[in-house]
Amino acid sequence: MADDDGFWYDLATGRVDQGHQKGAAHLMGPYASRAEAERALETARARTEAWDAAEDD
């Protein structure tokens, strides 16, 4: 998937946009689908918790 074809979660607005946007410092992505991008924060939170748990082992 080319960056301009993906979906991006905008941390500043909470919106999902299609296509690469300028100012990528506040964007998460690209994601393959709008639904996947809408779950960006949930996915990031779950990954962080998993990494934290792995460090505790």
C-alpha atoms as a PDB file:
ATOM      1  CA  MET A   1       0.000   0.000   0.000  1.00  0.00           C
ATOM      2  CA  ALA A   2       1.383   3.381  -0.934  1.00  0.00           C
ATOM      3  CA  ASP A   3       1.229   6.018   1.796  1.00  0.00           C
ATOM      4  CA  ASP A   4      -1.159   8.122  -0.276  1.00  0.00           C
ATOM      5  CA  ASP A   5      -3.627   5.229  -0.441  1.00  0.00           C
ATOM      6  CA  GLY A   6      -3.837   4.532   3.277  1.00  0.00           C
ATOM      7  CA  PHE A   7      -5.978   5.879   6.075  1.00  0.00           C
ATOM      8  CA  TRP A   8      -4.463   8.091   8.750  1.00  0.00           C
ATOM      9  CA  TYR A   9      -5.640   8.884  12.299  1.00  0.00           C
ATOM     10  CA  ASP A  10      -5.124  12.553  13.168  1.00  0.00           C
ATOM     11  CA  LEU A  11      -4.200  12.934  16.838  1.00  0.00           C
ATOM     12  CA  ALA A  12      -4.972  16.656  16.772  1.00  0.00           C
ATOM     13  CA  THR A  13      -8.552  16.312  15.535  1.00  0.00           C
ATOM     14  CA  GLY A  14      -9.476  12.685  16.221  1.00  0.00           C
ATOM     15  CA  ARG A  15     -10.500  12.333  12.574  1.00  0.00           C
ATOM     16  CA  VAL A  16      -9.548   9.687  10.044  1.00  0.00           C
ATOM     17  CA  ASP A  17      -8.452  10.935   6.636  1.00  0.00           C
ATOM     18  CA  GLN A  18      -7.564   9.065   3.475  1.00  0.00           C
ATOM     19  CA  GLY A  19      -4.313   9.821   1.737  1.00  0.00           C
ATOM     20  CA  HIS A  20      -1.010  11.023   3.097  1.00  0.00           C
ATOM     21  CA  GLN A  21      -1.243  14.373   4.850  1.00  0.00           C
ATOM     22  CA  LYS A  22       1.460  16.958   5.500  1.00  0.00           C
ATOM     23  CA  GLY A  23       2.507  17.511   9.096  1.00  0.00           C
ATOM     24  CA  ALA A  24       2.809  13.811   9.809  1.00  0.00           C
ATOM     25  CA  ALA A  25       4.043  14.397  13.366  1.00  0.00           C
ATOM     26  CA  HIS A  26       0.440  14.264  14.587  1.00  0.00           C
ATOM     27  CA  LEU A  27      -0.674  11.361  12.390  1.00  0.00           C
ATOM     28  CA  MET A  28      -0.779   7.616  12.998  1.00  0.00           C
ATOM     29  CA  GLY A  29      -0.760   5.311  10.012  1.00  0.00           C
ATOM     30  CA  PRO A  30      -1.063   4.372   7.312  1.00  0.00           C
ATOM     31  CA  TYR A  31      -3.785   1.821   7.992  1.00  0.00           C
ATOM     32  CA  ALA A  32      -5.349  -0.470   5.396  1.00  0.00           C
ATOM     33  CA  SER A  33      -8.930   0.525   6.217  1.00  0.00           C
ATOM     34  CA  ARG A  34     -10.892   3.360   7.776  1.00  0.00           C
ATOM     35  CA  ALA A  35     -12.081   1.034  10.564  1.00  0.00           C
ATOM     36  CA  GLU A  36      -8.506   0.055  11.389  1.00  0.00           C
ATOM     37  CA  ALA A  37      -7.495   3.731  11.542  1.00  0.00           C
ATOM     38  CA  GLU A  38     -10.474   4.514  13.793  1.00  0.00           C
ATOM     39  CA  ARG A  39      -9.072   1.964  16.267  1.00  0.00           C
ATOM     40  CA  ALA A  40      -5.569   3.510  16.181  1.00  0.00           C
ATOM     41  CA  LEU A  41      -5.530   4.648  19.806  1.00  0.00           C
ATOM     42  CA  GLU A  42      -7.010   1.371  21.050  1.00  0.00           C
ATOM     43  CA  THR A  43      -4.417  -0.599  19.067  1.00  0.00           C
ATOM     44  CA  ALA A  44      -1.553   1.563  20.339  1.00  0.00           C
ATOM     45  CA  ARG A  45      -2.767   1.204  23.924  1.00  0.00           C
ATOM     46  CA  ALA A  46      -2.986  -2.599  23.637  1.00  0.00           C
ATOM     47  CA  ARG A  47       0.498  -2.833  22.118  1.00  0.00           C
ATOM     48  CA  THR A  48       1.971  -0.626  24.835  1.00  0.00           C
ATOM     49  CA  GLU A  49       0.363  -2.753  27.544  1.00  0.00           C
ATOM     50  CA  ALA A  50       1.711  -5.928  25.908  1.00  0.00           C
ATOM     51  CA  TRP A  51       5.224  -4.477  25.673  1.00  0.00           C
ATOM     52  CA  ASP A  52       5.055  -3.325  29.314  1.00  0.00           C
ATOM     53  CA  ALA A  53       3.948  -6.788  30.404  1.00  0.00           C
ATOM     54  CA  ALA A  54       6.755  -8.416  28.410  1.00  0.00           C
ATOM     55  CA  GLU A  55       9.302  -6.167  30.141  1.00  0.00           C
ATOM     56  CA  ASP A  56       8.007  -7.321  33.523  1.00  0.00           C
ATOM     57  CA  ASP A  57       8.683 -10.986  32.653  1.00  0.00           C
END
